[in-house]
Amino acid sequence: MIELNSTDNHIKQLKDKIASRIRHPFLVKFVQEPLIDEDKLVLLSSIMDHTSLSQVKKEQYIITTMLVQIALDTHDLVTLTDEEDDRETVRNRQLTVLAGDYYSGLYYYLLSQLDDIPMIHTLAGAIKEINELKMELYYKDVESFQEFLNGLKKVESLLIQRVASYVQRSSINDMAGEWLLAKKLMVEKRSYQEGKFSPLMDTLINREGSHSGGQVMIHIEQMLQHHMHRLENSVSQLPIHFNWLKSYMHSAIHHQFNHRQIAEEG
């Protein structure tokens, strides 16, 4: 229990440090403060905990990688339409782009303090590949629903996987991919059900061959069932030193998936 509480406190401390880094007095007036993905933070922390890196480098690697993720997520919030927008919409769009660029610049600054060129190359390469994958995913035709999901899985997990491979802890990669895809599907499905805009659902519904939101929802639910089984298997195969992560994942699966099923059936 002591170890669990200690790890929970460490995650909270990391979130606080990241939040303090991204908080800018000008941006907070106009742009919604970005969410810090706790699951990705937990994955990164677990990866770094089992390396021989110094505590300073571990923390810097975690924070800089999360800043990259936040920058990518922020740029995804930029809305593009064919309609003529009012001045406020245009300004918000420009500020969102500015915020994403600001978060990107922060990680370069932090890594420059460590003088860590190989890590910079690792993150920069991941950013380039993720942006290319997004272009293919959302702006080019894909042959099947499964191919689309495979691309989405790469987009969601590639940054974590590249960092894990860089510090030679790639045993976590399969599990990370399964979990982050399942979580993305659940989040997007929930947004669509609540009447909010979902880029994923919009793309799938408008794809050639997709007929309705209801049919896409059925496909997503089927894929969720499939990926949850694969995820549980991936979690069980993690090395023994990832016991805390195993415990976290079992709890997350129960909370995110089993409770969701109960709520929907109710």
Protein backbone atom coordinates (compact mmCIF):
# COMPACT_ATOMS: atom_id res chain seq x y z
CA MET A 1 0.00 0.00 0.00
CA ILE A 2 2.87 2.36 0.80
CA GLU A 3 4.37 1.81 -2.63
CA LEU A 4 1.00 2.42 -4.29
CA ASN A 5 0.42 5.66 -2.40
CA SER A 6 3.97 6.76 -3.16
CA THR A 7 3.47 6.16 -6.87
CA ASP A 8 0.11 7.95 -6.85
CA ASN A 9 1.74 10.94 -5.18
CA HIS A 10 4.54 10.91 -7.75
CA ILE A 11 2.02 11.00 -10.62
CA LYS A 12 0.22 13.91 -8.95
CA GLN A 13 3.50 15.78 -8.52
CA LEU A 14 4.35 15.25 -12.19
CA LYS A 15 0.91 16.52 -13.25
CA ASP A 16 1.39 19.62 -11.10
CA LYS A 17 4.80 20.30 -12.63
CA ILE A 18 3.46 19.87 -16.17
CA ALA A 19 0.48 22.12 -15.39
CA SER A 20 2.80 24.83 -14.07
CA ARG A 21 4.90 24.59 -17.25
CA ILE A 22 1.99 24.98 -19.65
CA ARG A 23 0.19 27.71 -17.75
CA HIS A 24 0.68 31.02 -19.54
CA PRO A 25 -0.98 34.24 -18.25
CA PHE A 26 -2.00 35.37 -21.75
CA LEU A 27 -3.19 32.04 -23.14
CA VAL A 28 -5.34 31.16 -20.11
CA LYS A 29 -7.48 34.22 -20.82
CA PHE A 30 -8.49 33.02 -24.27
CA VAL A 31 -7.69 29.31 -24.69
CA GLN A 32 -8.99 26.45 -22.58
CA GLU A 33 -6.20 24.96 -20.49
CA PRO A 34 -5.23 21.61 -22.06
CA LEU A 35 -5.99 18.34 -20.36
CA ILE A 36 -3.04 16.26 -19.17
CA ASP A 37 -3.60 12.66 -20.26
CA GLU A 38 -3.05 10.77 -17.01
CA ASP A 39 -2.90 7.36 -18.70
CA LYS A 40 -0.03 8.45 -20.94
CA LEU A 41 1.65 10.05 -17.95
CA VAL A 42 1.36 6.77 -16.02
CA LEU A 43 2.80 4.81 -18.95
CA LEU A 44 5.76 7.17 -19.27
CA SER A 45 6.40 7.16 -15.53
CA SER A 46 6.34 3.35 -15.44
CA ILE A 47 8.75 3.19 -18.36
CA MET A 48 11.21 5.60 -16.74
CA ASP A 49 10.95 3.98 -13.30
CA HIS A 50 12.63 0.88 -14.71
CA THR A 51 15.62 2.56 -16.32
CA SER A 52 19.01 3.45 -14.88
CA LEU A 53 18.60 7.12 -15.80
CA SER A 54 19.12 9.76 -13.14
CA GLN A 55 16.01 11.13 -11.44
CA VAL A 56 16.57 14.46 -13.19
CA LYS A 57 16.62 12.85 -16.64
CA LYS A 58 13.64 10.62 -15.85
CA GLU A 59 11.55 13.60 -14.89
CA GLN A 60 12.74 15.72 -17.82
CA TYR A 61 11.99 12.92 -20.29
CA ILE A 62 8.48 12.49 -18.86
CA ILE A 63 7.66 16.19 -18.80
CA THR A 64 9.06 16.94 -22.25
CA THR A 65 7.25 13.98 -23.83
CA MET A 66 3.98 15.07 -22.22
CA LEU A 67 4.53 18.60 -23.55
CA VAL A 68 4.90 17.14 -27.03
CA GLN A 69 1.64 15.22 -26.53
CA ILE A 70 -0.14 18.34 -25.30
CA ALA A 71 1.13 20.31 -28.30
CA LEU A 72 -0.15 17.64 -30.69
CA ASP A 73 -3.51 17.48 -28.91
CA THR A 74 -3.84 21.28 -28.94
CA HIS A 75 -3.22 21.53 -32.68
CA ASP A 76 -5.95 18.90 -33.15
CA LEU A 77 -8.43 21.33 -31.58
CA VAL A 78 -8.03 23.80 -34.44
CA THR A 79 -11.32 23.83 -36.35
CA LEU A 80 -11.33 24.25 -40.11
CA THR A 81 -14.52 24.88 -42.05
CA ASP A 82 -15.45 26.05 -45.53
CA GLU A 83 -17.81 28.64 -44.09
CA GLU A 84 -16.87 32.24 -43.46
CA ASP A 85 -16.08 32.61 -39.76
CA ASP A 86 -16.61 35.61 -37.50
CA ARG A 87 -13.67 37.48 -36.02
CA GLU A 88 -13.92 35.75 -32.64
CA THR A 89 -13.78 32.28 -34.20
CA VAL A 90 -10.77 33.24 -36.30
CA ARG A 91 -9.01 34.69 -33.27
CA ASN A 92 -9.68 31.59 -31.16
CA ARG A 93 -8.33 29.42 -33.96
CA GLN A 94 -5.19 31.51 -34.24
CA LEU A 95 -4.68 31.44 -30.46
CA THR A 96 -5.11 27.66 -30.39
CA VAL A 97 -2.39 27.30 -33.02
CA LEU A 98 -0.24 29.70 -31.01
CA ALA A 99 -0.80 27.66 -27.85
CA GLY A 100 0.23 24.44 -29.61
CA ASP A 101 3.37 26.12 -30.91
CA TYR A 102 4.11 27.47 -27.42
CA TYR A 103 3.89 23.98 -25.87
CA SER A 104 6.12 22.63 -28.65
CA GLY A 105 8.73 25.25 -27.92
CA LEU A 106 8.72 24.38 -24.23
CA TYR A 107 9.92 20.84 -24.77
CA TYR A 108 12.77 21.96 -27.02
CA TYR A 109 13.79 24.42 -24.31
CA LEU A 110 13.74 21.77 -21.57
CA LEU A 111 15.72 19.27 -23.63
CA SER A 112 18.25 21.92 -24.58
CA GLN A 113 18.98 22.28 -20.87
CA LEU A 114 19.91 18.60 -20.78
CA ASP A 115 21.93 18.87 -23.99
CA ASP A 116 20.24 15.66 -25.14
CA ILE A 117 20.38 15.65 -28.95
CA PRO A 118 19.42 11.94 -29.40
CA MET A 119 16.23 12.41 -27.36
CA ILE A 120 15.36 15.53 -29.35
CA HIS A 121 15.76 13.52 -32.55
CA THR A 122 13.56 10.76 -31.11
CA LEU A 123 10.74 13.15 -30.26
CA ALA A 124 11.08 15.18 -33.46
CA GLY A 125 10.97 11.99 -35.53
CA ALA A 126 7.86 10.84 -33.68
CA ILE A 127 6.13 14.20 -34.26
CA LYS A 128 6.87 14.05 -37.99
CA GLU A 129 5.59 10.49 -38.27
CA ILE A 130 2.45 11.22 -36.23
CA ASN A 131 1.56 14.22 -38.39
CA GLU A 132 2.07 12.17 -41.54
CA LEU A 133 -0.17 9.42 -40.12
CA LYS A 134 -2.87 11.97 -39.30
CA MET A 135 -2.81 13.29 -42.86
CA GLU A 136 -3.23 9.79 -44.25
CA LEU A 137 -5.91 8.94 -41.70
CA TYR A 138 -8.16 11.96 -42.11
CA TYR A 139 -7.47 13.20 -45.65
CA LYS A 140 -6.80 10.08 -47.71
CA ASP A 141 -8.97 7.09 -48.48
CA VAL A 142 -8.38 3.98 -46.42
CA GLU A 143 -9.47 0.61 -47.67
CA SER A 144 -11.29 -0.67 -44.59
CA PHE A 145 -12.55 0.16 -41.12
CA GLN A 146 -9.82 -2.03 -39.64
CA GLU A 147 -7.13 -0.19 -41.60
CA PHE A 148 -8.45 3.08 -40.21
CA LEU A 149 -8.28 1.72 -36.66
CA ASN A 150 -4.75 0.45 -37.22
CA GLY A 151 -3.72 3.95 -38.26
CA LEU A 152 -5.52 5.49 -35.28
CA LYS A 153 -3.72 3.09 -32.94
CA LYS A 154 -0.36 4.25 -34.30
CA VAL A 155 -1.30 7.91 -33.92
CA GLU A 156 -2.35 7.41 -30.30
CA SER A 157 0.58 5.27 -29.16
CA LEU A 158 3.57 6.07 -31.38
CA LEU A 159 5.02 8.82 -29.17
CA ILE A 160 4.99 6.60 -26.06
CA GLN A 161 6.38 3.65 -28.01
CA ARG A 162 9.24 5.65 -29.52
CA VAL A 163 10.30 6.89 -26.08
CA ALA A 164 10.01 3.39 -24.61
CA SER A 165 12.19 2.00 -27.38
CA TYR A 166 14.70 4.82 -26.90
CA VAL A 167 15.21 3.88 -23.23
CA GLN A 168 15.09 0.15 -24.13
CA ARG A 169 11.82 -0.64 -22.39
CA SER A 170 9.77 -1.63 -25.44
CA SER A 171 8.10 -4.56 -23.64
CA ILE A 172 5.35 -2.08 -22.82
CA ASN A 173 4.64 -1.16 -26.44
CA ASP A 174 1.95 -3.72 -27.32
CA MET A 175 -0.05 -3.04 -24.19
CA ALA A 176 0.25 0.73 -24.65
CA GLY A 177 -1.07 0.48 -28.20
CA GLU A 178 -4.09 -1.62 -27.25
CA TRP A 179 -5.01 0.56 -24.27
CA LEU A 180 -4.62 3.95 -25.95
CA LEU A 181 -6.67 2.84 -28.96
CA ALA A 182 -9.46 1.46 -26.76
CA LYS A 183 -9.50 4.62 -24.68
CA LYS A 184 -9.61 6.85 -27.79
CA LEU A 185 -12.56 4.88 -29.16
CA MET A 186 -14.44 5.19 -25.87
CA VAL A 187 -13.81 8.93 -25.62
CA GLU A 188 -14.86 9.64 -29.21
CA LYS A 189 -17.92 7.41 -28.94
CA ARG A 190 -19.01 9.19 -25.75
CA SER A 191 -18.51 12.62 -27.35
CA TYR A 192 -20.66 11.63 -30.31
CA GLN A 193 -23.40 10.25 -28.04
CA GLU A 194 -23.41 13.52 -26.09
CA GLY A 195 -23.90 15.49 -29.30
CA LYS A 196 -20.38 16.93 -29.34
CA PHE A 197 -18.21 17.12 -32.43
CA SER A 198 -16.00 14.06 -32.86
CA PRO A 199 -13.38 14.25 -35.66
CA LEU A 200 -13.09 10.46 -35.57
CA MET A 201 -16.83 9.81 -35.88
CA ASP A 202 -17.22 12.53 -38.51
CA THR A 203 -14.47 10.98 -40.61
CA LEU A 204 -15.85 7.46 -40.31
CA ILE A 205 -19.43 8.47 -41.08
CA ASN A 206 -18.41 10.48 -44.16
CA ARG A 207 -16.02 7.85 -45.46
CA GLU A 208 -17.09 6.14 -48.65
CA GLY A 209 -18.85 2.94 -47.65
CA SER A 210 -19.99 4.16 -44.24
CA HIS A 211 -23.77 4.54 -44.14
CA SER A 212 -24.78 5.98 -40.78
CA GLY A 213 -23.61 6.97 -37.34
CA GLY A 214 -25.47 4.00 -35.88
CA GLN A 215 -23.60 1.50 -38.03
CA VAL A 216 -20.26 3.11 -37.21
CA MET A 217 -21.14 2.93 -33.51
CA ILE A 218 -21.83 -0.78 -33.85
CA HIS A 219 -18.44 -1.30 -35.53
CA ILE A 220 -16.70 0.69 -32.81
CA GLU A 221 -18.41 -1.33 -30.06
CA GLN A 222 -17.35 -4.57 -31.72
CA MET A 223 -13.78 -3.33 -31.98
CA LEU A 224 -13.83 -2.23 -28.34
CA GLN A 225 -14.84 -5.71 -27.24
CA HIS A 226 -12.07 -7.22 -29.35
CA HIS A 227 -9.38 -4.80 -28.19
CA MET A 228 -10.32 -5.12 -24.52
CA HIS A 229 -9.66 -8.87 -24.69
CA ARG A 230 -6.33 -8.21 -26.40
CA LEU A 231 -5.52 -5.53 -23.85
CA GLU A 232 -6.13 -7.82 -20.89
CA ASN A 233 -3.84 -10.39 -22.48
CA SER A 234 -1.14 -7.75 -23.09
CA VAL A 235 -1.35 -6.56 -19.48
CA SER A 236 -0.96 -10.11 -18.16
CA GLN A 237 2.22 -10.54 -20.23
CA LEU A 238 3.99 -7.47 -18.83
CA PRO A 239 7.24 -8.29 -16.99
CA ILE A 240 6.92 -8.77 -13.23
CA HIS A 241 8.61 -5.44 -12.43
CA PHE A 242 5.60 -3.67 -13.94
CA ASN A 243 3.33 -4.90 -11.14
CA TRP A 244 2.14 -1.41 -10.19
CA LEU A 245 1.26 -0.70 -13.82
CA LYS A 246 -0.59 -4.02 -14.02
CA SER A 247 -2.65 -3.04 -10.98
CA TYR A 248 -3.35 0.40 -12.48
CA MET A 249 -4.41 -1.11 -15.80
CA HIS A 250 -6.75 -3.69 -14.24
CA SER A 251 -8.43 -0.86 -12.33
CA ALA A 252 -8.60 1.34 -15.44
CA ILE A 253 -10.10 -1.44 -17.56
CA HIS A 254 -12.75 -2.10 -14.93
CA HIS A 255 -13.56 1.59 -14.50
CA GLN A 256 -13.51 2.61 -18.18
CA PHE A 257 -15.02 -0.48 -19.78
CA ASN A 258 -17.06 -2.51 -17.31
CA HIS A 259 -18.71 0.55 -15.73
CA ARG A 260 -19.41 1.91 -19.21
CA GLN A 261 -21.18 -1.31 -20.15
CA ILE A 262 -23.30 -1.22 -16.99
CA ALA A 263 -24.24 2.42 -17.60
CA GLU A 264 -25.21 1.76 -21.23
CA GLU A 265 -27.21 -1.37 -20.37
CA GLY A 266 -28.94 0.55 -17.57
